[in-house]
Amino acid sequence: LRVVDIRTPEEYASGHIPGAAHLAWQALDDLKANQQGLPIPKARAGELFGGLGISETTRVVAYDGPKTPFGATRLFFVLEFFGHDKVQVLNGGFPKWTREGRPVSTEVPTPLKAAFVARPRPELLATAEDVRSRLGNPKVCLLDARSAKEYAGEDLRAIRGGRIPGAVNVDYLNTM
């Protein structure tokens, strides 16, 4: 079992689940790799996950906190993309863990390195062309997980606002 904390370094240092290794969420994204259809480079996945002691037989439990609400799910996706299906997200993350009075540690573990073989599964990603070619298909549901204001084009966080035609808004904050 490898428990992975995807909160900020400061949050991790102030206390984490005993035995949890820390991983910055930024390590799970790479723009150049994204342009090639990968979340991060394949070799980087092997180094990163192997360095955390994750092999193909390791069960991984990821958790995050309010400052990094996508961290655990990003790790879940990246591991699954690279062929590792033994991954789970801790329900409620670190906030629920502490609310329940569970143990916390500041001890930093040193995971034994493992061999992680990255086996990309590109079928888990949808490209812009995949989406474009399926617009209007009643058998395809496109979800937009941004806020209602972003969805409506009122809160601009990109070059232009709005949404992909036919997308349904399910604000990620309503799923927590």
C-alpha atoms as a PDB file:
ATOM      1  CA  LEU A   1       0.000   0.000   0.000  1.00  0.00           C
ATOM      2  CA  ARG A   2       1.257   3.492  -0.851  1.00  0.00           C
ATOM      3  CA  VAL A   3      -0.659   6.451   0.563  1.00  0.00           C
ATOM      4  CA  VAL A   4       0.047   9.659  -1.369  1.00  0.00           C
ATOM      5  CA  ASP A   5      -0.610  13.173  -0.059  1.00  0.00           C
ATOM      6  CA  ILE A   6      -1.287  15.677  -2.871  1.00  0.00           C
ATOM      7  CA  ARG A   7      -1.563  18.785  -0.704  1.00  0.00           C
ATOM      8  CA  THR A   8       0.847  21.709  -0.606  1.00  0.00           C
ATOM      9  CA  PRO A   9       4.326  21.049   0.820  1.00  0.00           C
ATOM     10  CA  GLU A  10       3.487  23.294   3.785  1.00  0.00           C
ATOM     11  CA  GLU A  11       0.306  21.367   4.563  1.00  0.00           C
ATOM     12  CA  TYR A  12       2.157  18.049   4.279  1.00  0.00           C
ATOM     13  CA  ALA A  13       4.946  19.263   6.606  1.00  0.00           C
ATOM     14  CA  SER A  14       2.431  20.380   9.235  1.00  0.00           C
ATOM     15  CA  GLY A  15       0.906  16.905   9.423  1.00  0.00           C
ATOM     16  CA  HIS A  16      -0.199  14.057   7.163  1.00  0.00           C
ATOM     17  CA  ILE A  17      -1.504  10.505   7.317  1.00  0.00           C
ATOM     18  CA  PRO A  18       1.235   8.350   8.886  1.00  0.00           C
ATOM     19  CA  GLY A  19       3.411   6.791   6.176  1.00  0.00           C
ATOM     20  CA  ALA A  20       2.031   9.009   3.398  1.00  0.00           C
ATOM     21  CA  ALA A  21       4.470  10.144   0.738  1.00  0.00           C
ATOM     22  CA  HIS A  22       4.134  13.670  -0.635  1.00  0.00           C
ATOM     23  CA  LEU A  23       3.636  14.501  -4.305  1.00  0.00           C
ATOM     24  CA  ALA A  24       3.048  17.977  -5.713  1.00  0.00           C
ATOM     25  CA  TRP A  25       0.080  18.033  -8.114  1.00  0.00           C
ATOM     26  CA  GLN A  26       2.190  20.044 -10.574  1.00  0.00           C
ATOM     27  CA  ALA A  27       4.306  16.920 -11.175  1.00  0.00           C
ATOM     28  CA  LEU A  28       1.212  15.316 -12.715  1.00  0.00           C
ATOM     29  CA  ASP A  29       0.861  17.695 -15.653  1.00  0.00           C
ATOM     30  CA  ASP A  30       3.117  18.666 -18.549  1.00  0.00           C
ATOM     31  CA  LEU A  31       2.018  20.949 -21.388  1.00  0.00           C
ATOM     32  CA  LYS A  32       4.358  19.449 -24.008  1.00  0.00           C
ATOM     33  CA  ALA A  33       3.251  15.936 -23.071  1.00  0.00           C
ATOM     34  CA  ASN A  34      -0.397  17.085 -23.208  1.00  0.00           C
ATOM     35  CA  GLN A  35       0.149  18.189 -26.803  1.00  0.00           C
ATOM     36  CA  GLN A  36       1.316  14.635 -27.561  1.00  0.00           C
ATOM     37  CA  GLY A  37      -1.740  13.048 -25.917  1.00  0.00           C
ATOM     38  CA  LEU A  38      -0.086  12.245 -22.579  1.00  0.00           C
ATOM     39  CA  PRO A  39      -0.633  13.757 -19.124  1.00  0.00           C
ATOM     40  CA  ILE A  40       3.141  13.593 -18.430  1.00  0.00           C
ATOM     41  CA  PRO A  41       5.993  11.993 -20.411  1.00  0.00           C
ATOM     42  CA  LYS A  42       6.034   8.202 -20.207  1.00  0.00           C
ATOM     43  CA  ALA A  43       9.605   8.111 -18.867  1.00  0.00           C
ATOM     44  CA  ARG A  44       8.722  10.705 -16.240  1.00  0.00           C
ATOM     45  CA  ALA A  45       5.784   8.552 -15.087  1.00  0.00           C
ATOM     46  CA  GLY A  46       8.143   5.627 -14.554  1.00  0.00           C
ATOM     47  CA  GLU A  47      10.593   7.738 -12.553  1.00  0.00           C
ATOM     48  CA  LEU A  48       7.947   9.565 -10.544  1.00  0.00           C
ATOM     49  CA  PHE A  49       5.825   6.595  -9.534  1.00  0.00           C
ATOM     50  CA  GLY A  50       8.754   4.216  -9.142  1.00  0.00           C
ATOM     51  CA  GLY A  51      10.380   6.792  -6.858  1.00  0.00           C
ATOM     52  CA  LEU A  52       7.248   6.767  -4.704  1.00  0.00           C
ATOM     53  CA  GLY A  53       7.553   2.995  -4.357  1.00  0.00           C
ATOM     54  CA  ILE A  54       4.687   2.241  -6.719  1.00  0.00           C
ATOM     55  CA  SER A  55       4.904  -0.923  -8.804  1.00  0.00           C
ATOM     56  CA  GLU A  56       2.176  -2.770 -10.692  1.00  0.00           C
ATOM     57  CA  THR A  57       1.214  -4.639  -7.501  1.00  0.00           C
ATOM     58  CA  THR A  58       1.017  -1.564  -5.242  1.00  0.00           C
ATOM     59  CA  ARG A  59      -2.400  -0.350  -4.109  1.00  0.00           C
ATOM     60  CA  VAL A  60      -2.386   3.464  -4.089  1.00  0.00           C
ATOM     61  CA  VAL A  61      -4.656   5.652  -1.982  1.00  0.00           C
ATOM     62  CA  ALA A  62      -4.488   9.361  -2.788  1.00  0.00           C
ATOM     63  CA  TYR A  63      -5.831  12.287  -0.807  1.00  0.00           C
ATOM     64  CA  ASP A  64      -5.806  16.053  -1.049  1.00  0.00           C
ATOM     65  CA  GLY A  65      -7.216  19.075   0.761  1.00  0.00           C
ATOM     66  CA  PRO A  66      -9.048  22.359   0.161  1.00  0.00           C
ATOM     67  CA  LYS A  67      -6.024  24.111  -1.426  1.00  0.00           C
ATOM     68  CA  THR A  68      -5.508  21.263  -3.934  1.00  0.00           C
ATOM     69  CA  PRO A  69      -9.029  19.903  -4.577  1.00  0.00           C
ATOM     70  CA  PHE A  70      -8.076  18.165  -7.835  1.00  0.00           C
ATOM     71  CA  GLY A  71      -4.831  16.581  -6.705  1.00  0.00           C
ATOM     72  CA  ALA A  72      -6.045  13.137  -5.698  1.00  0.00           C
ATOM     73  CA  THR A  73      -8.274  12.732  -8.737  1.00  0.00           C
ATOM     74  CA  ARG A  74      -5.449  13.909 -11.017  1.00  0.00           C
ATOM     75  CA  LEU A  75      -3.172  11.236  -9.546  1.00  0.00           C
ATOM     76  CA  PHE A  76      -5.961   8.682  -9.968  1.00  0.00           C
ATOM     77  CA  PHE A  77      -6.320   9.611 -13.637  1.00  0.00           C
ATOM     78  CA  VAL A  78      -2.581   9.724 -14.426  1.00  0.00           C
ATOM     79  CA  LEU A  79      -1.968   6.339 -12.801  1.00  0.00           C
ATOM     80  CA  GLU A  80      -4.969   4.844 -14.594  1.00  0.00           C
ATOM     81  CA  PHE A  81      -3.822   6.380 -17.885  1.00  0.00           C
ATOM     82  CA  PHE A  82      -0.450   4.669 -17.475  1.00  0.00           C
ATOM     83  CA  GLY A  83      -2.077   1.280 -16.815  1.00  0.00           C
ATOM     84  CA  HIS A  84      -2.191   1.228 -13.019  1.00  0.00           C
ATOM     85  CA  ASP A  85      -5.733   0.347 -11.935  1.00  0.00           C
ATOM     86  CA  LYS A  86      -5.050  -0.277  -8.229  1.00  0.00           C
ATOM     87  CA  VAL A  87      -5.704   3.306  -7.214  1.00  0.00           C
ATOM     88  CA  GLN A  88      -8.336   4.882  -4.986  1.00  0.00           C
ATOM     89  CA  VAL A  89      -9.191   8.355  -3.701  1.00  0.00           C
ATOM     90  CA  LEU A  90      -9.643   8.730   0.053  1.00  0.00           C
ATOM     91  CA  ASN A  91     -13.255   9.731   0.641  1.00  0.00           C
ATOM     92  CA  GLY A  92     -13.308  13.222   2.152  1.00  0.00           C
ATOM     93  CA  GLY A  93      -9.552  13.677   1.843  1.00  0.00           C
ATOM     94  CA  PHE A  94      -7.406  14.945   4.685  1.00  0.00           C
ATOM     95  CA  PRO A  95     -10.128  17.233   6.126  1.00  0.00           C
ATOM     96  CA  LYS A  96     -12.412  14.263   6.825  1.00  0.00           C
ATOM     97  CA  TRP A  97      -9.472  12.215   8.144  1.00  0.00           C
ATOM     98  CA  THR A  98      -8.716  14.868  10.770  1.00  0.00           C
ATOM     99  CA  ARG A  99     -12.394  15.575  11.580  1.00  0.00           C
ATOM    100  CA  GLU A 100     -12.707  11.905  12.493  1.00  0.00           C
ATOM    101  CA  GLY A 101      -9.755  12.233  14.881  1.00  0.00           C
ATOM    102  CA  ARG A 102      -7.525   9.840  12.992  1.00  0.00           C
ATOM    103  CA  PRO A 103      -3.733   9.826  13.542  1.00  0.00           C
ATOM    104  CA  VAL A 104      -1.491  12.450  11.963  1.00  0.00           C
ATOM    105  CA  SER A 105       2.306  12.438  11.640  1.00  0.00           C
ATOM    106  CA  THR A 106       5.065  14.835  10.602  1.00  0.00           C
ATOM    107  CA  GLU A 107       7.509  11.981   9.994  1.00  0.00           C
ATOM    108  CA  VAL A 108       8.586  11.845   6.344  1.00  0.00           C
ATOM    109  CA  PRO A 109       8.860   8.279   5.010  1.00  0.00           C
ATOM    110  CA  THR A 110      11.528   7.169   2.562  1.00  0.00           C
ATOM    111  CA  PRO A 111       9.763   4.832   0.124  1.00  0.00           C
ATOM    112  CA  LEU A 112      11.772   1.991  -1.355  1.00  0.00           C
ATOM    113  CA  LYS A 113      12.079   2.551  -5.091  1.00  0.00           C
ATOM    114  CA  ALA A 114      10.044   0.241  -7.285  1.00  0.00           C
ATOM    115  CA  ALA A 115       9.860  -0.582 -10.956  1.00  0.00           C
ATOM    116  CA  PHE A 116       6.903   1.225 -12.476  1.00  0.00           C
ATOM    117  CA  VAL A 117       6.250   0.310 -16.086  1.00  0.00           C
ATOM    118  CA  ALA A 118       4.175   3.017 -17.774  1.00  0.00           C
ATOM    119  CA  ARG A 119       1.706   1.496 -20.233  1.00  0.00           C
ATOM    120  CA  PRO A 120      -0.173   4.422 -21.821  1.00  0.00           C
ATOM    121  CA  ARG A 121      -3.873   3.953 -22.492  1.00  0.00           C
ATOM    122  CA  PRO A 122      -4.648   6.739 -24.990  1.00  0.00           C
ATOM    123  CA  GLU A 123      -8.242   5.532 -25.307  1.00  0.00           C
ATOM    124  CA  LEU A 124      -8.897   7.188 -21.929  1.00  0.00           C
ATOM    125  CA  LEU A 125      -8.347  10.662 -23.415  1.00  0.00           C
ATOM    126  CA  ALA A 126     -10.666  12.526 -25.745  1.00  0.00           C
ATOM    127  CA  THR A 127      -8.999  14.843 -28.231  1.00  0.00           C
ATOM    128  CA  ALA A 128     -10.564  18.035 -29.529  1.00  0.00           C
ATOM    129  CA  GLU A 129     -11.291  16.178 -32.768  1.00  0.00           C
ATOM    130  CA  ASP A 130     -12.979  13.320 -30.841  1.00  0.00           C
ATOM    131  CA  VAL A 131     -15.267  15.853 -29.172  1.00  0.00           C
ATOM    132  CA  ARG A 132     -15.888  17.838 -32.371  1.00  0.00           C
ATOM    133  CA  SER A 133     -16.837  14.709 -34.307  1.00  0.00           C
ATOM    134  CA  ARG A 134     -19.376  13.654 -31.664  1.00  0.00           C
ATOM    135  CA  LEU A 135     -21.154  16.976 -31.139  1.00  0.00           C
ATOM    136  CA  GLY A 136     -24.889  16.396 -31.396  1.00  0.00           C
ATOM    137  CA  ASN A 137     -24.577  12.614 -30.953  1.00  0.00           C
ATOM    138  CA  PRO A 138     -27.374  11.652 -28.505  1.00  0.00           C
ATOM    139  CA  LYS A 139     -25.274   8.717 -27.230  1.00  0.00           C
ATOM    140  CA  VAL A 140     -22.506  11.063 -26.015  1.00  0.00           C
ATOM    141  CA  CYS A 141     -22.748  13.266 -22.934  1.00  0.00           C
ATOM    142  CA  LEU A 142     -20.166  16.007 -22.602  1.00  0.00           C
ATOM    143  CA  LEU A 143     -19.794  17.346 -19.058  1.00  0.00           C
ATOM    144  CA  ASP A 144     -18.415  20.782 -18.247  1.00  0.00           C
ATOM    145  CA  ALA A 145     -17.240  20.659 -14.632  1.00  0.00           C
ATOM    146  CA  ARG A 146     -16.506  24.363 -14.264  1.00  0.00           C
ATOM    147  CA  SER A 147     -18.591  26.846 -12.273  1.00  0.00           C
ATOM    148  CA  ALA A 148     -21.947  28.011 -13.609  1.00  0.00           C
ATOM    149  CA  LYS A 149     -20.475  31.481 -14.280  1.00  0.00           C
ATOM    150  CA  GLU A 150     -17.582  30.013 -16.291  1.00  0.00           C
ATOM    151  CA  TYR A 151     -20.037  27.807 -18.184  1.00  0.00           C
ATOM    152  CA  ALA A 152     -22.213  30.841 -18.978  1.00  0.00           C
ATOM    153  CA  GLY A 153     -19.212  32.871 -20.154  1.00  0.00           C
ATOM    154  CA  GLU A 154     -19.538  35.377 -17.298  1.00  0.00           C
ATOM    155  CA  ASP A 155     -16.302  34.382 -15.532  1.00  0.00           C
ATOM    156  CA  LEU A 156     -13.510  34.352 -18.124  1.00  0.00           C
ATOM    157  CA  ARG A 157     -10.460  32.265 -17.259  1.00  0.00           C
ATOM    158  CA  ALA A 158      -9.377  31.524 -20.801  1.00  0.00           C
ATOM    159  CA  ILE A 159      -8.963  33.429 -24.055  1.00  0.00           C
ATOM    160  CA  ARG A 160     -12.691  33.291 -24.624  1.00  0.00           C
ATOM    161  CA  GLY A 161     -15.682  32.370 -22.498  1.00  0.00           C
ATOM    162  CA  GLY A 162     -18.605  30.058 -22.890  1.00  0.00           C
ATOM    163  CA  ARG A 163     -18.834  26.350 -23.433  1.00  0.00           C
ATOM    164  CA  ILE A 164     -18.684  23.625 -26.034  1.00  0.00           C
ATOM    165  CA  PRO A 165     -22.080  23.326 -27.750  1.00  0.00           C
ATOM    166  CA  GLY A 166     -24.252  20.678 -26.087  1.00  0.00           C
ATOM    167  CA  ALA A 167     -22.114  20.429 -22.930  1.00  0.00           C
ATOM    168  CA  VAL A 168     -23.986  19.935 -19.652  1.00  0.00           C
ATOM    169  CA  ASN A 169     -22.778  21.860 -16.597  1.00  0.00           C
ATOM    170  CA  VAL A 170     -22.041  19.883 -13.427  1.00  0.00           C
ATOM    171  CA  ASP A 171     -19.996  22.205 -11.214  1.00  0.00           C
ATOM    172  CA  TYR A 172     -17.216  20.157  -9.584  1.00  0.00           C
ATOM    173  CA  LEU A 173     -17.912  21.867  -6.238  1.00  0.00           C
ATOM    174  CA  ASN A 174     -21.315  20.169  -6.173  1.00  0.00           C
ATOM    175  CA  THR A 175     -19.689  16.734  -6.342  1.00  0.00           C
ATOM    176  CA  MET A 176     -17.682  17.045  -3.137  1.00  0.00           C
END
